[in-house]
Amino acid sequence: MKEITIDKRDKEILHFLQQDATMSIADIANKVGLSVSPCWRRIQIMEENGTIDKKVTLLNPSHLGLYMTVFVQVKAAKHDKIWLEKFAKHTSAFSEVTEFYRMSGAYDYLLKVQVTDMASFDHFYKRFIGGIDLLDVTSSFAMENIKYSTAMPLDHL
């Protein structure tokens, strides 16, 4: 994999894009002390090399009736490639699962699940466990969202 170099200006551009991806290139260029063309080219390079993965609109879950965040921990029933592929496909098919990680430690997988209420979580849970062989599943319900950010830390660059 080719090493990607991020300089001070790239870091500043990324900072502004993470805050508001709709900001015009002219505004970003002005804030980082570049003219529009070099700023646009830097953004284009970071998109081409994968530093900028994609641009999306973040939605407010509570405005969509998604009042409950549940973290579901799963212990695998098997530890082989076939089971993992089936489990990944099964789990990824649920729109309620907004994040899905393979973990180290006591549990093998961690899911972040967004639902409207306990009844909708119960409905999700029954469909989830009914579709694949699992060793153990435990769920933790978020009581309060204290910090949420999609911005990647850039201070180390």
N, C-alpha and C. Protein backbone atom coordinates (compact mmCIF):
# COMPACT_ATOMS: atom_id res chain seq x y z
N MET A 1 0.84 -1.19 0.00
CA MET A 1 0.00 0.00 0.00
C MET A 1 0.89 1.24 0.00
N LYS A 2 0.56 2.18 -0.84
CA LYS A 2 1.33 3.41 -0.97
C LYS A 2 1.11 4.29 0.27
N GLU A 3 2.23 4.81 0.80
CA GLU A 3 2.14 5.69 1.95
C GLU A 3 1.55 7.03 1.53
N ILE A 4 0.61 7.51 2.31
CA ILE A 4 -0.06 8.77 2.01
C ILE A 4 0.48 9.85 2.95
N THR A 5 0.88 10.97 2.38
CA THR A 5 1.41 12.09 3.17
C THR A 5 0.32 13.14 3.33
N ILE A 6 0.08 13.53 4.56
CA ILE A 6 -0.88 14.59 4.88
C ILE A 6 -0.09 15.76 5.46
N ASP A 7 -0.09 16.88 4.76
CA ASP A 7 0.63 18.04 5.29
C ASP A 7 -0.34 18.95 6.06
N LYS A 8 0.19 20.06 6.54
CA LYS A 8 -0.60 20.98 7.37
C LYS A 8 -1.85 21.48 6.64
N ARG A 9 -1.73 21.83 5.38
CA ARG A 9 -2.88 22.33 4.62
C ARG A 9 -3.92 21.23 4.42
N ASP A 10 -3.45 20.01 4.08
CA ASP A 10 -4.39 18.89 3.92
C ASP A 10 -5.15 18.66 5.24
N LYS A 11 -4.42 18.71 6.33
CA LYS A 11 -5.04 18.52 7.65
C LYS A 11 -6.12 19.58 7.91
N GLU A 12 -5.81 20.83 7.58
CA GLU A 12 -6.79 21.91 7.74
C GLU A 12 -8.01 21.68 6.83
N ILE A 13 -7.76 21.28 5.60
CA ILE A 13 -8.86 21.01 4.66
C ILE A 13 -9.75 19.90 5.22
N LEU A 14 -9.12 18.82 5.70
CA LEU A 14 -9.88 17.70 6.27
C LEU A 14 -10.70 18.14 7.48
N HIS A 15 -10.11 19.00 8.30
CA HIS A 15 -10.84 19.52 9.46
C HIS A 15 -12.13 20.21 9.02
N PHE A 16 -12.04 21.10 8.07
CA PHE A 16 -13.23 21.83 7.62
C PHE A 16 -14.24 20.91 6.94
N LEU A 17 -13.75 19.97 6.13
CA LEU A 17 -14.67 19.04 5.47
C LEU A 17 -15.40 18.15 6.47
N GLN A 18 -14.72 17.76 7.55
CA GLN A 18 -15.38 16.94 8.57
C GLN A 18 -16.44 17.72 9.34
N GLN A 19 -16.27 19.02 9.42
CA GLN A 19 -17.26 19.85 10.11
C GLN A 19 -18.47 20.12 9.23
N ASP A 20 -18.22 20.31 7.92
CA ASP A 20 -19.32 20.63 7.00
C ASP A 20 -18.88 20.32 5.57
N ALA A 21 -19.26 19.16 5.09
CA ALA A 21 -18.86 18.73 3.74
C ALA A 21 -19.54 19.53 2.64
N THR A 22 -20.52 20.35 3.01
CA THR A 22 -21.17 21.20 2.01
C THR A 22 -20.48 22.54 1.84
N MET A 23 -19.46 22.80 2.65
CA MET A 23 -18.72 24.06 2.54
C MET A 23 -18.11 24.16 1.14
N SER A 24 -18.22 25.30 0.52
CA SER A 24 -17.69 25.46 -0.84
C SER A 24 -16.17 25.39 -0.82
N ILE A 25 -15.63 24.96 -1.94
CA ILE A 25 -14.17 24.89 -2.07
C ILE A 25 -13.56 26.28 -1.91
N ALA A 26 -14.26 27.29 -2.40
CA ALA A 26 -13.76 28.67 -2.25
C ALA A 26 -13.66 29.05 -0.78
N ASP A 27 -14.66 28.68 0.02
CA ASP A 27 -14.62 29.00 1.45
C ASP A 27 -13.49 28.25 2.15
N ILE A 28 -13.34 26.96 1.82
CA ILE A 28 -12.27 26.17 2.42
C ILE A 28 -10.92 26.75 2.01
N ALA A 29 -10.75 27.05 0.74
CA ALA A 29 -9.50 27.61 0.24
C ALA A 29 -9.16 28.90 0.99
N ASN A 30 -10.14 29.75 1.18
CA ASN A 30 -9.94 31.00 1.91
C ASN A 30 -9.49 30.74 3.34
N LYS A 31 -10.11 29.77 4.01
CA LYS A 31 -9.79 29.48 5.41
C LYS A 31 -8.39 28.87 5.57
N VAL A 32 -7.92 28.13 4.56
CA VAL A 32 -6.61 27.49 4.68
C VAL A 32 -5.50 28.25 3.95
N GLY A 33 -5.84 29.38 3.33
CA GLY A 33 -4.83 30.21 2.69
C GLY A 33 -4.36 29.71 1.34
N LEU A 34 -5.28 29.12 0.58
CA LEU A 34 -4.96 28.67 -0.78
C LEU A 34 -5.91 29.32 -1.77
N SER A 35 -5.55 29.28 -3.03
CA SER A 35 -6.52 29.66 -4.05
C SER A 35 -7.39 28.43 -4.34
N VAL A 36 -8.46 28.64 -5.09
CA VAL A 36 -9.46 27.58 -5.29
C VAL A 36 -8.88 26.36 -6.00
N SER A 37 -8.14 26.58 -7.08
CA SER A 37 -7.64 25.43 -7.87
C SER A 37 -6.73 24.50 -7.07
N PRO A 38 -5.73 25.00 -6.36
CA PRO A 38 -4.90 24.09 -5.56
C PRO A 38 -5.69 23.40 -4.43
N CYS A 39 -6.63 24.09 -3.86
CA CYS A 39 -7.46 23.50 -2.81
C CYS A 39 -8.30 22.37 -3.39
N TRP A 40 -8.92 22.63 -4.53
CA TRP A 40 -9.74 21.62 -5.20
C TRP A 40 -8.89 20.41 -5.55
N ARG A 41 -7.68 20.65 -6.05
CA ARG A 41 -6.79 19.55 -6.44
C ARG A 41 -6.40 18.70 -5.23
N ARG A 42 -6.13 19.33 -4.10
CA ARG A 42 -5.79 18.59 -2.88
C ARG A 42 -6.96 17.70 -2.46
N ILE A 43 -8.17 18.24 -2.51
CA ILE A 43 -9.36 17.46 -2.16
C ILE A 43 -9.51 16.29 -3.12
N GLN A 44 -9.31 16.56 -4.40
CA GLN A 44 -9.43 15.51 -5.42
C GLN A 44 -8.40 14.41 -5.18
N ILE A 45 -7.18 14.75 -4.85
CA ILE A 45 -6.14 13.76 -4.56
C ILE A 45 -6.52 12.93 -3.34
N MET A 46 -7.03 13.59 -2.29
CA MET A 46 -7.42 12.85 -1.08
C MET A 46 -8.62 11.94 -1.33
N GLU A 47 -9.48 12.31 -2.27
CA GLU A 47 -10.58 11.42 -2.65
C GLU A 47 -10.03 10.22 -3.44
N GLU A 48 -9.11 10.48 -4.36
CA GLU A 48 -8.54 9.42 -5.20
C GLU A 48 -7.71 8.43 -4.39
N ASN A 49 -6.97 8.92 -3.38
CA ASN A 49 -6.12 8.00 -2.62
C ASN A 49 -6.85 7.35 -1.44
N GLY A 50 -8.12 7.69 -1.25
CA GLY A 50 -8.92 7.05 -0.21
C GLY A 50 -8.89 7.72 1.14
N THR A 51 -8.13 8.81 1.28
CA THR A 51 -8.14 9.54 2.56
C THR A 51 -9.55 10.04 2.84
N ILE A 52 -10.19 10.61 1.84
CA ILE A 52 -11.61 10.97 1.93
C ILE A 52 -12.37 9.78 1.37
N ASP A 53 -13.04 9.07 2.25
CA ASP A 53 -13.72 7.84 1.87
C ASP A 53 -15.03 8.11 1.16
N LYS A 54 -15.85 9.00 1.73
CA LYS A 54 -17.10 9.41 1.10
C LYS A 54 -17.66 10.61 1.85
N LYS A 55 -18.62 11.26 1.24
CA LYS A 55 -19.30 12.40 1.85
C LYS A 55 -20.75 12.01 2.03
N VAL A 56 -21.26 12.22 3.24
CA VAL A 56 -22.63 11.79 3.55
C VAL A 56 -23.36 12.88 4.33
N THR A 57 -24.65 12.70 4.47
CA THR A 57 -25.45 13.55 5.34
C THR A 57 -25.75 12.77 6.61
N LEU A 58 -25.43 13.35 7.75
CA LEU A 58 -25.71 12.69 9.03
C LEU A 58 -27.10 13.08 9.49
N LEU A 59 -27.88 12.09 9.86
CA LEU A 59 -29.25 12.32 10.29
C LEU A 59 -29.35 12.26 11.81
N ASN A 60 -30.30 12.99 12.37
CA ASN A 60 -30.55 12.99 13.81
C ASN A 60 -31.49 11.83 14.13
N PRO A 61 -31.00 10.80 14.83
CA PRO A 61 -31.84 9.62 15.09
C PRO A 61 -33.16 9.94 15.77
N SER A 62 -33.16 10.84 16.74
CA SER A 62 -34.41 11.12 17.46
C SER A 62 -35.43 11.81 16.58
N HIS A 63 -34.99 12.56 15.58
CA HIS A 63 -35.94 13.19 14.65
C HIS A 63 -36.59 12.15 13.74
N LEU A 64 -35.97 10.96 13.69
CA LEU A 64 -36.50 9.87 12.87
C LEU A 64 -37.22 8.83 13.72
N GLY A 65 -37.39 9.14 15.00
CA GLY A 65 -38.07 8.22 15.90
C GLY A 65 -37.18 7.10 16.42
N LEU A 66 -35.89 7.19 16.20
CA LEU A 66 -34.95 6.17 16.67
C LEU A 66 -34.40 6.60 18.03
N TYR A 67 -35.17 6.32 19.06
CA TYR A 67 -34.86 6.82 20.40
C TYR A 67 -33.97 5.88 21.20
N MET A 68 -33.75 4.66 20.72
CA MET A 68 -33.02 3.68 21.50
C MET A 68 -31.78 3.20 20.75
N THR A 69 -30.64 3.29 21.43
CA THR A 69 -29.39 2.75 20.93
C THR A 69 -29.01 1.56 21.80
N VAL A 70 -28.76 0.43 21.15
CA VAL A 70 -28.44 -0.80 21.86
C VAL A 70 -27.10 -1.33 21.33
N PHE A 71 -26.23 -1.71 22.26
CA PHE A 71 -24.97 -2.35 21.90
C PHE A 71 -25.13 -3.84 22.18
N VAL A 72 -25.01 -4.62 21.13
CA VAL A 72 -25.23 -6.06 21.22
C VAL A 72 -23.89 -6.76 21.07
N GLN A 73 -23.54 -7.58 22.05
CA GLN A 73 -22.30 -8.34 22.02
C GLN A 73 -22.63 -9.80 21.71
N VAL A 74 -21.85 -10.39 20.83
CA VAL A 74 -22.13 -11.74 20.35
C VAL A 74 -20.89 -12.62 20.50
N LYS A 75 -21.11 -13.85 21.02
CA LYS A 75 -20.08 -14.88 21.00
C LYS A 75 -20.41 -15.83 19.87
N ALA A 76 -19.43 -16.08 19.05
CA ALA A 76 -19.63 -16.94 17.88
C ALA A 76 -19.87 -18.38 18.28
N ALA A 77 -20.75 -19.04 17.56
CA ALA A 77 -21.00 -20.47 17.77
C ALA A 77 -19.86 -21.29 17.17
N LYS A 78 -19.25 -20.77 16.12
CA LYS A 78 -18.15 -21.44 15.43
C LYS A 78 -17.10 -20.39 15.08
N HIS A 79 -15.91 -20.86 14.84
CA HIS A 79 -14.83 -19.96 14.44
C HIS A 79 -14.21 -20.48 13.14
N ASP A 80 -15.01 -20.42 12.09
CA ASP A 80 -14.49 -20.82 10.79
C ASP A 80 -14.98 -19.84 9.73
N LYS A 81 -14.35 -19.91 8.57
CA LYS A 81 -14.61 -18.95 7.50
C LYS A 81 -16.06 -19.02 7.02
N ILE A 82 -16.61 -20.19 6.88
CA ILE A 82 -17.98 -20.35 6.37
C ILE A 82 -18.98 -19.70 7.34
N TRP A 83 -18.82 -19.98 8.64
CA TRP A 83 -19.73 -19.40 9.62
C TRP A 83 -19.60 -17.87 9.62
N LEU A 84 -18.36 -17.37 9.60
CA LEU A 84 -18.14 -15.93 9.61
C LEU A 84 -18.79 -15.26 8.42
N GLU A 85 -18.64 -15.82 7.24
CA GLU A 85 -19.25 -15.23 6.04
C GLU A 85 -20.77 -15.21 6.17
N LYS A 86 -21.34 -16.30 6.68
CA LYS A 86 -22.80 -16.37 6.87
C LYS A 86 -23.25 -15.36 7.92
N PHE A 87 -22.50 -15.28 9.02
CA PHE A 87 -22.84 -14.34 10.09
C PHE A 87 -22.74 -12.90 9.61
N ALA A 88 -21.68 -12.57 8.87
CA ALA A 88 -21.50 -11.20 8.37
C ALA A 88 -22.63 -10.83 7.42
N LYS A 89 -23.01 -11.74 6.54
CA LYS A 89 -24.10 -11.48 5.61
C LYS A 89 -25.43 -11.33 6.34
N HIS A 90 -25.69 -12.23 7.28
CA HIS A 90 -26.93 -12.19 8.07
C HIS A 90 -27.04 -10.87 8.83
N THR A 91 -25.99 -10.52 9.55
CA THR A 91 -26.01 -9.32 10.41
C THR A 91 -26.07 -8.04 9.59
N SER A 92 -25.32 -7.98 8.52
CA SER A 92 -25.28 -6.77 7.68
C SER A 92 -26.60 -6.50 6.98
N ALA A 93 -27.44 -7.49 6.87
CA ALA A 93 -28.75 -7.32 6.19
C ALA A 93 -29.75 -6.53 7.02
N PHE A 94 -29.51 -6.36 8.31
CA PHE A 94 -30.44 -5.63 9.17
C PHE A 94 -30.15 -4.13 9.12
N SER A 95 -31.11 -3.34 8.68
CA SER A 95 -30.91 -1.89 8.63
C SER A 95 -30.74 -1.30 10.03
N GLU A 96 -31.26 -1.97 11.04
CA GLU A 96 -31.12 -1.49 12.42
C GLU A 96 -29.68 -1.52 12.90
N VAL A 97 -28.86 -2.38 12.30
CA VAL A 97 -27.44 -2.49 12.67
C VAL A 97 -26.69 -1.39 11.92
N THR A 98 -26.26 -0.37 12.66
CA THR A 98 -25.58 0.76 12.03
C THR A 98 -24.05 0.66 12.13
N GLU A 99 -23.55 -0.19 13.03
CA GLU A 99 -22.11 -0.45 13.12
C GLU A 99 -21.95 -1.91 13.51
N PHE A 100 -20.86 -2.53 13.03
CA PHE A 100 -20.66 -3.96 13.21
C PHE A 100 -19.16 -4.22 13.24
N TYR A 101 -18.64 -4.74 14.36
CA TYR A 101 -17.21 -4.93 14.53
C TYR A 101 -16.89 -6.35 14.97
N ARG A 102 -15.76 -6.88 14.50
CA ARG A 102 -15.18 -8.10 15.06
C ARG A 102 -14.23 -7.64 16.15
N MET A 103 -14.32 -8.26 17.33
CA MET A 103 -13.62 -7.77 18.50
C MET A 103 -12.62 -8.78 19.05
N SER A 104 -11.73 -8.29 19.91
CA SER A 104 -10.93 -9.16 20.75
C SER A 104 -11.61 -9.17 22.12
N GLY A 105 -11.26 -10.10 22.95
CA GLY A 105 -11.83 -10.13 24.29
C GLY A 105 -12.90 -11.20 24.46
N ALA A 106 -13.74 -11.01 25.46
CA ALA A 106 -14.72 -12.02 25.85
C ALA A 106 -15.78 -12.25 24.77
N TYR A 107 -16.15 -11.22 24.04
CA TYR A 107 -17.14 -11.35 22.98
C TYR A 107 -16.47 -11.17 21.63
N ASP A 108 -17.00 -11.85 20.64
CA ASP A 108 -16.37 -11.86 19.33
C ASP A 108 -16.82 -10.70 18.43
N TYR A 109 -18.05 -10.23 18.62
CA TYR A 109 -18.61 -9.19 17.75
C TYR A 109 -19.38 -8.18 18.58
N LEU A 110 -19.36 -6.94 18.10
CA LEU A 110 -20.11 -5.85 18.72
C LEU A 110 -20.95 -5.18 17.64
N LEU A 111 -22.23 -5.04 17.92
CA LEU A 111 -23.15 -4.38 17.00
C LEU A 111 -23.71 -3.14 17.67
N LYS A 112 -23.87 -2.09 16.91
CA LYS A 112 -24.62 -0.92 17.36
C LYS A 112 -25.95 -0.98 16.62
N VAL A 113 -27.02 -0.98 17.39
CA VAL A 113 -28.37 -1.14 16.83
C VAL A 113 -29.20 0.08 17.19
N GLN A 114 -29.85 0.68 16.21
CA GLN A 114 -30.72 1.85 16.40
C GLN A 114 -32.17 1.42 16.17
N VAL A 115 -33.02 1.61 17.17
CA VAL A 115 -34.43 1.23 17.07
C VAL A 115 -35.31 2.28 17.73
N THR A 116 -36.61 2.16 17.50
CA THR A 116 -37.54 3.15 18.04
C THR A 116 -37.82 2.94 19.52
N ASP A 117 -37.95 1.69 19.94
CA ASP A 117 -38.34 1.41 21.33
C ASP A 117 -38.03 -0.05 21.65
N MET A 118 -38.40 -0.48 22.86
CA MET A 118 -38.11 -1.84 23.30
C MET A 118 -38.81 -2.88 22.43
N ALA A 119 -40.03 -2.60 22.03
CA ALA A 119 -40.76 -3.55 21.18
C ALA A 119 -40.05 -3.73 19.84
N SER A 120 -39.54 -2.65 19.26
CA SER A 120 -38.84 -2.79 17.98
C SER A 120 -37.50 -3.50 18.17
N PHE A 121 -36.86 -3.30 19.33
CA PHE A 121 -35.63 -4.05 19.59
C PHE A 121 -35.94 -5.54 19.74
N ASP A 122 -37.00 -5.85 20.45
CA ASP A 122 -37.39 -7.25 20.63
C ASP A 122 -37.67 -7.91 19.28
N HIS A 123 -38.33 -7.18 18.40
CA HIS A 123 -38.61 -7.69 17.05
C HIS A 123 -37.30 -7.93 16.30
N PHE A 124 -36.37 -6.98 16.36
CA PHE A 124 -35.05 -7.14 15.75
C PHE A 124 -34.33 -8.36 16.34
N TYR A 125 -34.31 -8.45 17.66
CA TYR A 125 -33.58 -9.49 18.37
C TYR A 125 -34.06 -10.89 17.95
N LYS A 126 -35.35 -11.07 17.90
CA LYS A 126 -35.90 -12.37 17.52
C LYS A 126 -35.52 -12.75 16.09
N ARG A 127 -35.55 -11.79 15.18
CA ARG A 127 -35.14 -12.06 13.80
C ARG A 127 -33.64 -12.32 13.73
N PHE A 128 -32.87 -11.58 14.51
CA PHE A 128 -31.41 -11.71 14.51
C PHE A 128 -30.99 -13.09 15.01
N ILE A 129 -31.45 -13.48 16.18
CA ILE A 129 -31.01 -14.76 16.75
C ILE A 129 -31.64 -15.95 16.02
N GLY A 130 -32.76 -15.73 15.38
CA GLY A 130 -33.43 -16.80 14.68
C GLY A 130 -32.79 -17.18 13.36
N GLY A 131 -31.90 -16.35 12.87
CA GLY A 131 -31.35 -16.58 11.55
C GLY A 131 -29.98 -17.22 11.50
N ILE A 132 -29.35 -17.42 12.68
CA ILE A 132 -27.99 -17.97 12.67
C ILE A 132 -27.69 -18.58 14.03
N ASP A 133 -26.81 -19.56 14.05
CA ASP A 133 -26.41 -20.24 15.27
C ASP A 133 -25.40 -19.36 16.03
N LEU A 134 -25.74 -19.01 17.28
CA LEU A 134 -24.89 -18.17 18.11
C LEU A 134 -24.65 -18.87 19.45
N LEU A 135 -23.49 -18.61 20.06
CA LEU A 135 -23.19 -19.18 21.36
C LEU A 135 -23.80 -18.35 22.48
N ASP A 136 -23.67 -17.02 22.39
CA ASP A 136 -24.18 -16.13 23.44
C ASP A 136 -24.42 -14.75 22.85
N VAL A 137 -25.45 -14.09 23.36
CA VAL A 137 -25.77 -12.72 22.95
C VAL A 137 -26.15 -11.95 24.21
N THR A 138 -25.58 -10.76 24.36
CA THR A 138 -25.98 -9.89 25.46
C THR A 138 -26.15 -8.48 24.91
N SER A 139 -27.08 -7.75 25.50
CA SER A 139 -27.38 -6.40 25.00
C SER A 139 -27.27 -5.39 26.13
N SER A 140 -26.73 -4.22 25.79
CA SER A 140 -26.65 -3.10 26.73
C SER A 140 -27.34 -1.91 26.08
N PHE A 141 -28.19 -1.24 26.85
CA PHE A 141 -28.99 -0.14 26.34
C PHE A 141 -28.34 1.18 26.75
N ALA A 142 -28.07 2.03 25.78
CA ALA A 142 -27.48 3.34 26.06
C ALA A 142 -28.50 4.20 26.79
N MET A 143 -28.11 4.74 27.90
CA MET A 143 -28.99 5.59 28.70
C MET A 143 -28.92 7.04 28.24
N GLU A 144 -27.73 7.46 27.83
CA GLU A 144 -27.51 8.85 27.42
C GLU A 144 -26.33 8.89 26.46
N ASN A 145 -26.46 9.69 25.41
CA ASN A 145 -25.36 9.91 24.48
C ASN A 145 -24.58 11.12 24.98
N ILE A 146 -23.41 10.89 25.50
CA ILE A 146 -22.61 11.98 26.07
C ILE A 146 -21.71 12.61 25.02
N LYS A 147 -21.14 11.80 24.14
CA LYS A 147 -20.34 12.32 23.03
C LYS A 147 -20.59 11.46 21.81
N TYR A 148 -20.81 12.11 20.70
CA TYR A 148 -20.95 11.43 19.41
C TYR A 148 -20.24 12.28 18.38
N SER A 149 -19.34 11.66 17.65
CA SER A 149 -18.64 12.38 16.60
C SER A 149 -18.30 11.42 15.48
N THR A 150 -18.42 11.87 14.27
CA THR A 150 -17.95 11.09 13.13
C THR A 150 -16.60 11.62 12.66
N ALA A 151 -16.13 12.72 13.24
CA ALA A 151 -14.85 13.33 12.85
C ALA A 151 -13.68 12.50 13.37
N MET A 152 -12.75 12.20 12.47
CA MET A 152 -11.54 11.49 12.85
C MET A 152 -10.57 12.47 13.52
N PRO A 153 -9.85 12.02 14.55
CA PRO A 153 -8.87 12.90 15.17
C PRO A 153 -7.73 13.16 14.19
N LEU A 154 -7.28 14.40 14.15
CA LEU A 154 -6.21 14.79 13.22
C LEU A 154 -4.98 15.34 13.92
N ASP A 155 -5.04 15.47 15.24
CA ASP A 155 -3.94 16.09 15.99
C ASP A 155 -2.61 15.35 15.84
N HIS A 156 -2.65 14.05 15.60
CA HIS A 156 -1.42 13.27 15.48
C HIS A 156 -0.71 13.46 14.14
N LEU A 157 -1.38 14.10 13.20
CA LEU A 157 -0.78 14.30 11.86
C LEU A 157 0.18 15.48 11.86
